[in-house]
Amino acid sequence: MKAIRRTVLTAAASLLPATAMAHPGSHPEDLSWSLLHAFTQPDHLLTMALVVVWAAMVAGVAYWFKPWRVDSWSR
């Protein structure tokens, strides 16, 4: 019973973003408008900043725990 409930909830949750319209209305379909939109909207800028921070954290951990660093094996 739990597996069926989990499957139904997962299916419903995966369909939820399809019903959301973040930017309603008609928009031009060209590259310049898309780039302008992506680089001037605060929600997009926040997302890009968080992705950069997350990538820096992942890169920092990957650099610090390199398997080929001999001094990291002794700890």
Foldseek 3Di string as FASTA:
>chain_A
DVVVVVVVVVVVVVCVVVPDDPDDDDDDDDDVRVVCVQVPDPVNVVVVVVVVVVVVVVVVVCVVPPVPDPVNVVD
